[in-house]
PDB file of N, CA and C in Angstrom:
ATOM      1  N   MET A   1      51.512 -68.507 -39.494  1.00  0.00           N
ATOM      2  CA  MET A   1      50.997 -67.262 -40.019  1.00  0.00           C
ATOM      3  C   MET A   1      50.725 -66.324 -38.839  1.00  0.00           C
ATOM      4  N   SER A   2      51.176 -65.100 -38.947  1.00  0.00           N
ATOM      5  CA  SER A   2      50.960 -64.166 -37.840  1.00  0.00           C
ATOM      6  C   SER A   2      49.674 -63.375 -38.057  1.00  0.00           C
ATOM      7  N   ASN A   3      49.071 -63.027 -36.969  1.00  0.00           N
ATOM      8  CA  ASN A   3      47.839 -62.251 -37.002  1.00  0.00           C
ATOM      9  C   ASN A   3      48.200 -60.776 -36.971  1.00  0.00           C
ATOM     10  N   GLN A   4      47.765 -60.013 -37.973  1.00  0.00           N
ATOM     11  CA  GLN A   4      48.110 -58.598 -38.041  1.00  0.00           C
ATOM     12  C   GLN A   4      47.452 -57.796 -36.932  1.00  0.00           C
ATOM     13  N   ASN A   5      46.452 -58.341 -36.282  1.00  0.00           N
ATOM     14  CA  ASN A   5      45.779 -57.648 -35.208  1.00  0.00           C
ATOM     15  C   ASN A   5      46.415 -57.914 -33.843  1.00  0.00           C
ATOM     16  N   GLU A   6      47.500 -58.691 -33.818  1.00  0.00           N
ATOM     17  CA  GLU A   6      48.185 -58.952 -32.555  1.00  0.00           C
ATOM     18  C   GLU A   6      48.701 -57.638 -31.983  1.00  0.00           C
ATOM     19  N   GLN A   7      48.549 -57.501 -30.684  1.00  0.00           N
ATOM     20  CA  GLN A   7      49.023 -56.279 -30.036  1.00  0.00           C
ATOM     21  C   GLN A   7      50.492 -56.430 -29.677  1.00  0.00           C
ATOM     22  N   LYS A   8      51.191 -55.310 -29.759  1.00  0.00           N
ATOM     23  CA  LYS A   8      52.579 -55.285 -29.304  1.00  0.00           C
ATOM     24  C   LYS A   8      52.584 -55.450 -27.789  1.00  0.00           C
ATOM     25  N   PRO A   9      53.665 -55.990 -27.248  1.00  0.00           N
ATOM     26  CA  PRO A   9      53.748 -56.080 -25.794  1.00  0.00           C
ATOM     27  C   PRO A   9      53.723 -54.686 -25.167  1.00  0.00           C
ATOM     28  N   LYS A  10      53.249 -54.618 -23.952  1.00  0.00           N
ATOM     29  CA  LYS A  10      53.247 -53.359 -23.218  1.00  0.00           C
ATOM     30  C   LYS A  10      54.286 -53.434 -22.115  1.00  0.00           C
ATOM     31  N   TYR A  11      54.955 -52.329 -21.889  1.00  0.00           N
ATOM     32  CA  TYR A  11      55.924 -52.220 -20.802  1.00  0.00           C
ATOM     33  C   TYR A  11      55.456 -51.102 -19.881  1.00  0.00           C
ATOM     34  N   THR A  12      55.410 -51.383 -18.591  1.00  0.00           N
ATOM     35  CA  THR A  12      55.015 -50.383 -17.619  1.00  0.00           C
ATOM     36  C   THR A  12      56.275 -49.718 -17.086  1.00  0.00           C
ATOM     37  N   ILE A  13      56.368 -48.402 -17.300  1.00  0.00           N
ATOM     38  CA  ILE A  13      57.525 -47.634 -16.841  1.00  0.00           C
ATOM     39  C   ILE A  13      57.031 -46.494 -15.955  1.00  0.00           C
ATOM     40  N   LYS A  14      57.963 -45.867 -15.237  1.00  0.00           N
ATOM     41  CA  LYS A  14      57.630 -44.683 -14.446  1.00  0.00           C
ATOM     42  C   LYS A  14      58.551 -43.542 -14.856  1.00  0.00           C
ATOM     43  N   VAL A  15      57.957 -42.360 -15.014  1.00  0.00           N
ATOM     44  CA  VAL A  15      58.703 -41.141 -15.298  1.00  0.00           C
ATOM     45  C   VAL A  15      58.341 -40.143 -14.209  1.00  0.00           C
ATOM     46  N   ASN A  16      59.325 -39.783 -13.400  1.00  0.00           N
ATOM     47  CA  ASN A  16      59.109 -38.882 -12.257  1.00  0.00           C
ATOM     48  C   ASN A  16      57.954 -39.349 -11.381  1.00  0.00           C
ATOM     49  N   GLY A  17      57.860 -40.654 -11.189  1.00  0.00           N
ATOM     50  CA  GLY A  17      56.859 -41.226 -10.301  1.00  0.00           C
ATOM     51  C   GLY A  17      55.511 -41.495 -10.934  1.00  0.00           C
ATOM     52  N   THR A  18      55.282 -41.054 -12.165  1.00  0.00           N
ATOM     53  CA  THR A  18      54.013 -41.291 -12.855  1.00  0.00           C
ATOM     54  C   THR A  18      54.156 -42.515 -13.754  1.00  0.00           C
ATOM     55  N   GLN A  19      53.208 -43.427 -13.648  1.00  0.00           N
ATOM     56  CA  GLN A  19      53.265 -44.680 -14.397  1.00  0.00           C
ATOM     57  C   GLN A  19      52.697 -44.511 -15.805  1.00  0.00           C
ATOM     58  N   TYR A  20      53.373 -45.126 -16.777  1.00  0.00           N
ATOM     59  CA  TYR A  20      52.946 -45.104 -18.178  1.00  0.00           C
ATOM     60  C   TYR A  20      53.097 -46.496 -18.767  1.00  0.00           C
ATOM     61  N   GLU A  21      52.288 -46.799 -19.786  1.00  0.00           N
ATOM     62  CA  GLU A  21      52.472 -48.010 -20.570  1.00  0.00           C
ATOM     63  C   GLU A  21      53.001 -47.611 -21.934  1.00  0.00           C
ATOM     64  N   VAL A  22      54.073 -48.248 -22.353  1.00  0.00           N
ATOM     65  CA  VAL A  22      54.653 -47.993 -23.671  1.00  0.00           C
ATOM     66  C   VAL A  22      54.700 -49.314 -24.432  1.00  0.00           C
ATOM     67  N   HIS A  23      54.662 -49.221 -25.762  1.00  0.00           N
ATOM     68  CA  HIS A  23      54.643 -50.425 -26.586  1.00  0.00           C
ATOM     69  C   HIS A  23      55.992 -50.729 -27.229  1.00  0.00           C
ATOM     70  N   ASP A  24      56.851 -49.746 -27.298  1.00  0.00           N
ATOM     71  CA  ASP A  24      58.170 -49.980 -27.890  1.00  0.00           C
ATOM     72  C   ASP A  24      59.141 -50.446 -26.816  1.00  0.00           C
ATOM     73  N   HIS A  25      60.035 -51.345 -27.205  1.00  0.00           N
ATOM     74  CA  HIS A  25      61.039 -51.861 -26.268  1.00  0.00           C
ATOM     75  C   HIS A  25      62.116 -50.816 -25.986  1.00  0.00           C
ATOM     76  N   HIS A  26      62.214 -49.792 -26.819  1.00  0.00           N
ATOM     77  CA  HIS A  26      63.187 -48.718 -26.621  1.00  0.00           C
ATOM     78  C   HIS A  26      62.450 -47.388 -26.491  1.00  0.00           C
ATOM     79  N   ILE A  27      62.986 -46.506 -25.660  1.00  0.00           N
ATOM     80  CA  ILE A  27      62.445 -45.161 -25.527  1.00  0.00           C
ATOM     81  C   ILE A  27      63.619 -44.198 -25.596  1.00  0.00           C
ATOM     82  N   ASP A  28      63.433 -43.087 -26.306  1.00  0.00           N
ATOM     83  CA  ASP A  28      64.545 -42.157 -26.462  1.00  0.00           C
ATOM     84  C   ASP A  28      64.386 -40.943 -25.548  1.00  0.00           C
ATOM     85  N   PHE A  29      65.408 -40.132 -25.517  1.00  0.00           N
ATOM     86  CA  PHE A  29      65.488 -38.958 -24.651  1.00  0.00           C
ATOM     87  C   PHE A  29      64.259 -38.070 -24.800  1.00  0.00           C
ATOM     88  N   ASN A  30      63.909 -37.712 -26.029  1.00  0.00           N
ATOM     89  CA  ASN A  30      62.784 -36.801 -26.258  1.00  0.00           C
ATOM     90  C   ASN A  30      61.450 -37.411 -25.832  1.00  0.00           C
ATOM     91  N   GLN A  31      61.284 -38.706 -25.998  1.00  0.00           N
ATOM     92  CA  GLN A  31      60.048 -39.361 -25.570  1.00  0.00           C
ATOM     93  C   GLN A  31      59.910 -39.319 -24.050  1.00  0.00           C
ATOM     94  N   VAL A  32      61.009 -39.522 -23.333  1.00  0.00           N
ATOM     95  CA  VAL A  32      60.971 -39.467 -21.866  1.00  0.00           C
ATOM     96  C   VAL A  32      60.632 -38.056 -21.408  1.00  0.00           C
ATOM     97  N   VAL A  33      61.269 -37.041 -22.005  1.00  0.00           N
ATOM     98  CA  VAL A  33      60.976 -35.651 -21.641  1.00  0.00           C
ATOM     99  C   VAL A  33      59.500 -35.342 -21.889  1.00  0.00           C
ATOM    100  N   ALA A  34      58.952 -35.805 -23.008  1.00  0.00           N
ATOM    101  CA  ALA A  34      57.554 -35.535 -23.333  1.00  0.00           C
ATOM    102  C   ALA A  34      56.600 -36.158 -22.308  1.00  0.00           C
ATOM    103  N   LEU A  35      56.982 -37.293 -21.718  1.00  0.00           N
ATOM    104  CA  LEU A  35      56.137 -37.951 -20.724  1.00  0.00           C
ATOM    105  C   LEU A  35      56.247 -37.313 -19.338  1.00  0.00           C
ATOM    106  N   ALA A  36      57.345 -36.639 -19.063  1.00  0.00           N
ATOM    107  CA  ALA A  36      57.587 -36.105 -17.719  1.00  0.00           C
ATOM    108  C   ALA A  36      56.555 -35.038 -17.359  1.00  0.00           C
ATOM    109  N   PRO A  37      55.818 -35.268 -16.269  1.00  0.00           N
ATOM    110  CA  PRO A  37      54.791 -34.303 -15.884  1.00  0.00           C
ATOM    111  C   PRO A  37      55.384 -33.065 -15.210  1.00  0.00           C
ATOM    112  N   ASP A  38      54.704 -31.943 -15.399  1.00  0.00           N
ATOM    113  CA  ASP A  38      54.985 -30.712 -14.641  1.00  0.00           C
ATOM    114  C   ASP A  38      56.412 -30.188 -14.774  1.00  0.00           C
ATOM    115  N   LEU A  39      57.012 -30.333 -15.941  1.00  0.00           N
ATOM    116  CA  LEU A  39      58.344 -29.763 -16.155  1.00  0.00           C
ATOM    117  C   LEU A  39      58.212 -28.427 -16.863  1.00  0.00           C
ATOM    118  N   PRO A  40      59.073 -27.476 -16.520  1.00  0.00           N
ATOM    119  CA  PRO A  40      59.058 -26.228 -17.286  1.00  0.00           C
ATOM    120  C   PRO A  40      59.497 -26.508 -18.720  1.00  0.00           C
ATOM    121  N   ARG A  41      58.972 -25.758 -19.644  1.00  0.00           N
ATOM    122  CA  ARG A  41      59.317 -25.896 -21.064  1.00  0.00           C
ATOM    123  C   ARG A  41      59.819 -24.544 -21.548  1.00  0.00           C
ATOM    124  N   GLY A  42      60.641 -24.548 -22.558  1.00  0.00           N
ATOM    125  CA  GLY A  42      61.095 -23.294 -23.131  1.00  0.00           C
ATOM    126  C   GLY A  42      62.460 -23.417 -23.757  1.00  0.00           C
ATOM    127  N   GLN A  43      62.856 -22.327 -24.410  1.00  0.00           N
ATOM    128  CA  GLN A  43      64.105 -22.296 -25.151  1.00  0.00           C
ATOM    129  C   GLN A  43      65.332 -22.460 -24.262  1.00  0.00           C
ATOM    130  N   ASN A  44      65.291 -21.908 -23.065  1.00  0.00           N
ATOM    131  CA  ASN A  44      66.466 -21.924 -22.192  1.00  0.00           C
ATOM    132  C   ASN A  44      66.476 -23.090 -21.217  1.00  0.00           C
ATOM    133  N   ILE A  45      65.577 -24.042 -21.398  1.00  0.00           N
ATOM    134  CA  ILE A  45      65.479 -25.185 -20.481  1.00  0.00           C
ATOM    135  C   ILE A  45      66.250 -26.374 -21.060  1.00  0.00           C
ATOM    136  N   THR A  46      67.075 -26.976 -20.225  1.00  0.00           N
ATOM    137  CA  THR A  46      67.743 -28.224 -20.589  1.00  0.00           C
ATOM    138  C   THR A  46      67.274 -29.302 -19.613  1.00  0.00           C
ATOM    139  N   TYR A  47      67.368 -30.548 -20.027  1.00  0.00           N
ATOM    140  CA  TYR A  47      66.869 -31.655 -19.225  1.00  0.00           C
ATOM    141  C   TYR A  47      67.982 -32.661 -18.955  1.00  0.00           C
ATOM    142  N   SER A  48      67.940 -33.225 -17.755  1.00  0.00           N
ATOM    143  CA  SER A  48      68.837 -34.313 -17.371  1.00  0.00           C
ATOM    144  C   SER A  48      67.969 -35.504 -17.011  1.00  0.00           C
ATOM    145  N   ILE A  49      68.363 -36.682 -17.492  1.00  0.00           N
ATOM    146  CA  ILE A  49      67.571 -37.888 -17.244  1.00  0.00           C
ATOM    147  C   ILE A  49      68.471 -38.991 -16.707  1.00  0.00           C
ATOM    148  N   THR A  50      68.035 -39.588 -15.598  1.00  0.00           N
ATOM    149  CA  THR A  50      68.679 -40.803 -15.102  1.00  0.00           C
ATOM    150  C   THR A  50      67.654 -41.930 -15.191  1.00  0.00           C
ATOM    151  N   TYR A  51      68.147 -43.153 -15.297  1.00  0.00           N
ATOM    152  CA  TYR A  51      67.257 -44.313 -15.386  1.00  0.00           C
ATOM    153  C   TYR A  51      67.754 -45.427 -14.488  1.00  0.00           C
ATOM    154  N   GLN A  52      66.812 -46.295 -14.109  1.00  0.00           N
ATOM    155  CA  GLN A  52      67.111 -47.471 -13.289  1.00  0.00           C
ATOM    156  C   GLN A  52      66.294 -48.643 -13.798  1.00  0.00           C
ATOM    157  N   ASN A  53      66.815 -49.854 -13.586  1.00  0.00           N
ATOM    158  CA  ASN A  53      66.100 -51.091 -13.890  1.00  0.00           C
ATOM    159  C   ASN A  53      65.785 -51.241 -15.380  1.00  0.00           C
ATOM    160  N   ALA A  54      66.717 -50.858 -16.235  1.00  0.00           N
ATOM    161  CA  ALA A  54      66.541 -51.013 -17.682  1.00  0.00           C
ATOM    162  C   ALA A  54      66.849 -52.448 -18.107  1.00  0.00           C
ATOM    163  N   ASP A  55      66.424 -52.815 -19.300  1.00  0.00           N
ATOM    164  CA  ASP A  55      66.656 -54.152 -19.856  1.00  0.00           C
ATOM    165  C   ASP A  55      67.927 -54.136 -20.703  1.00  0.00           C
ATOM    166  N   GLN A  56      68.999 -53.672 -20.108  1.00  0.00           N
ATOM    167  CA  GLN A  56      70.291 -53.545 -20.796  1.00  0.00           C
ATOM    168  C   GLN A  56      71.385 -53.455 -19.761  1.00  0.00           C
ATOM    169  N   LYS A  57      72.589 -53.491 -20.214  1.00  0.00           N
ATOM    170  CA  LYS A  57      73.750 -53.277 -19.357  1.00  0.00           C
ATOM    171  C   LYS A  57      74.390 -51.964 -19.750  1.00  0.00           C
ATOM    172  N   PRO A  58      74.609 -51.020 -18.863  1.00  0.00           N
ATOM    173  CA  PRO A  58      74.225 -51.072 -17.449  1.00  0.00           C
ATOM    174  C   PRO A  58      72.722 -50.877 -17.267  1.00  0.00           C
ATOM    175  N   GLU A  59      72.214 -51.412 -16.147  1.00  0.00           N
ATOM    176  CA  GLU A  59      70.786 -51.285 -15.838  1.00  0.00           C
ATOM    177  C   GLU A  59      70.406 -49.877 -15.413  1.00  0.00           C
ATOM    178  N   SER A  60      71.386 -49.106 -14.969  1.00  0.00           N
ATOM    179  CA  SER A  60      71.102 -47.737 -14.540  1.00  0.00           C
ATOM    180  C   SER A  60      72.185 -46.814 -15.069  1.00  0.00           C
ATOM    181  N   GLY A  61      71.819 -45.547 -15.228  1.00  0.00           N
ATOM    182  CA  GLY A  61      72.785 -44.587 -15.737  1.00  0.00           C
ATOM    183  C   GLY A  61      72.121 -43.289 -16.127  1.00  0.00           C
ATOM    184  N   VAL A  62      72.811 -42.548 -16.977  1.00  0.00           N
ATOM    185  CA  VAL A  62      72.341 -41.255 -17.472  1.00  0.00           C
ATOM    186  C   VAL A  62      71.953 -41.423 -18.931  1.00  0.00           C
ATOM    187  N   LEU A  63      70.765 -40.939 -19.267  1.00  0.00           N
ATOM    188  CA  LEU A  63      70.297 -40.959 -20.665  1.00  0.00           C
ATOM    189  C   LEU A  63      70.648 -39.613 -21.279  1.00  0.00           C
ATOM    190  N   ALA A  64      71.576 -39.617 -22.208  1.00  0.00           N
ATOM    191  CA  ALA A  64      72.023 -38.385 -22.857  1.00  0.00           C
ATOM    192  C   ALA A  64      71.076 -38.008 -23.990  1.00  0.00           C
ATOM    193  N   GLU A  65      71.048 -36.725 -24.313  1.00  0.00           N
ATOM    194  CA  GLU A  65      70.232 -36.257 -25.421  1.00  0.00           C
ATOM    195  C   GLU A  65      70.650 -37.012 -26.681  1.00  0.00           C
ATOM    196  N   GLY A  66      69.673 -37.520 -27.416  1.00  0.00           N
ATOM    197  CA  GLY A  66      69.941 -38.321 -28.607  1.00  0.00           C
ATOM    198  C   GLY A  66      70.066 -39.808 -28.317  1.00  0.00           C
ATOM    199  N   GLY A  67      70.107 -40.179 -27.035  1.00  0.00           N
ATOM    200  CA  GLY A  67      70.249 -41.579 -26.653  1.00  0.00           C
ATOM    201  C   GLY A  67      68.914 -42.263 -26.455  1.00  0.00           C
ATOM    202  N   LYS A  68      68.978 -43.588 -26.244  1.00  0.00           N
ATOM    203  CA  LYS A  68      67.777 -44.354 -25.967  1.00  0.00           C
ATOM    204  C   LYS A  68      68.097 -45.453 -24.974  1.00  0.00           C
ATOM    205  N   VAL A  69      67.042 -45.969 -24.340  1.00  0.00           N
ATOM    206  CA  VAL A  69      67.163 -47.007 -23.320  1.00  0.00           C
ATOM    207  C   VAL A  69      66.221 -48.143 -23.682  1.00  0.00           C
ATOM    208  N   LYS A  70      66.677 -49.364 -23.462  1.00  0.00           N
ATOM    209  CA  LYS A  70      65.843 -50.552 -23.657  1.00  0.00           C
ATOM    210  C   LYS A  70      65.063 -50.772 -22.362  1.00  0.00           C
ATOM    211  N   VAL A  71      63.732 -50.676 -22.438  1.00  0.00           N
ATOM    212  CA  VAL A  71      62.901 -50.734 -21.234  1.00  0.00           C
ATOM    213  C   VAL A  71      62.343 -52.124 -20.983  1.00  0.00           C
ATOM    214  N   LYS A  72      61.915 -52.318 -19.758  1.00  0.00           N
ATOM    215  CA  LYS A  72      61.172 -53.505 -19.345  1.00  0.00           C
ATOM    216  C   LYS A  72      60.198 -53.039 -18.276  1.00  0.00           C
ATOM    217  N   ASP A  73      59.295 -53.924 -17.855  1.00  0.00           N
ATOM    218  CA  ASP A  73      58.393 -53.552 -16.770  1.00  0.00           C
ATOM    219  C   ASP A  73      59.217 -53.113 -15.566  1.00  0.00           C
ATOM    220  N   GLY A  74      58.890 -51.941 -15.044  1.00  0.00           N
ATOM    221  CA  GLY A  74      59.571 -51.442 -13.853  1.00  0.00           C
ATOM    222  C   GLY A  74      60.731 -50.506 -14.120  1.00  0.00           C
ATOM    223  N   THR A  75      61.036 -50.199 -15.386  1.00  0.00           N
ATOM    224  CA  THR A  75      62.090 -49.227 -15.666  1.00  0.00           C
ATOM    225  C   THR A  75      61.625 -47.860 -15.161  1.00  0.00           C
ATOM    226  N   LYS A  76      62.535 -47.150 -14.478  1.00  0.00           N
ATOM    227  CA  LYS A  76      62.204 -45.846 -13.895  1.00  0.00           C
ATOM    228  C   LYS A  76      63.108 -44.764 -14.465  1.00  0.00           C
ATOM    229  N   PHE A  77      62.510 -43.603 -14.710  1.00  0.00           N
ATOM    230  CA  PHE A  77      63.243 -42.437 -15.205  1.00  0.00           C
ATOM    231  C   PHE A  77      62.997 -41.259 -14.272  1.00  0.00           C
ATOM    232  N   ASP A  78      64.053 -40.519 -13.995  1.00  0.00           N
ATOM    233  CA  ASP A  78      63.947 -39.261 -13.255  1.00  0.00           C
ATOM    234  C   ASP A  78      64.441 -38.152 -14.167  1.00  0.00           C
ATOM    235  N   VAL A  79      63.553 -37.178 -14.425  1.00  0.00           N
ATOM    236  CA  VAL A  79      63.870 -36.073 -15.323  1.00  0.00           C
ATOM    237  C   VAL A  79      63.893 -34.787 -14.502  1.00  0.00           C
ATOM    238  N   THR A  80      64.964 -34.012 -14.658  1.00  0.00           N
ATOM    239  CA  THR A  80      65.046 -32.707 -14.019  1.00  0.00           C
ATOM    240  C   THR A  80      65.296 -31.667 -15.100  1.00  0.00           C
ATOM    241  N   ALA A  81      64.790 -30.458 -14.845  1.00  0.00           N
ATOM    242  CA  ALA A  81      64.937 -29.360 -15.798  1.00  0.00           C
ATOM    243  C   ALA A  81      65.817 -28.288 -15.173  1.00  0.00           C
ATOM    244  N   THR A  82      66.633 -27.671 -16.012  1.00  0.00           N
ATOM    245  CA  THR A  82      67.509 -26.571 -15.588  1.00  0.00           C
ATOM    246  C   THR A  82      67.334 -25.419 -16.554  1.00  0.00           C
ATOM    247  N   ASP A  83      67.225 -24.201 -16.007  1.00  0.00           N
ATOM    248  CA  ASP A  83      67.101 -23.002 -16.820  1.00  0.00           C
ATOM    249  C   ASP A  83      68.501 -22.469 -17.106  1.00  0.00           C
ATOM    250  N   LYS A  84      68.887 -22.396 -18.370  1.00  0.00           N
ATOM    251  CA  LYS A  84      70.229 -21.955 -18.767  1.00  0.00           C
ATOM    252  C   LYS A  84      70.406 -20.452 -18.666  1.00  0.00           C
ATOM    253  N   SER A  85      69.345 -19.679 -18.487  1.00  0.00           N
ATOM    254  CA  SER A  85      69.476 -18.225 -18.523  1.00  0.00           C
ATOM    255  C   SER A  85      70.173 -17.664 -17.305  1.00  0.00           C
TER     256      SER A  85
END
């Protein structure tokens, strides 16, 4: 019998050098952007995300908009913003 009060596992990840704990084994593009500190926001801003040390093959690559990555402790994301105007 499982205990409904059991906590989900936590995964420690870094986004632009800032450490976060997440409970889901997968994180998507929009969630990573939302965690990224000090990024410009706005209609003309687009984001590029690279990742390293993921719990998948390949372990590193580019996270495209609409995509997701399987994380583990130590997964790192680098998010950059570009102004389209």
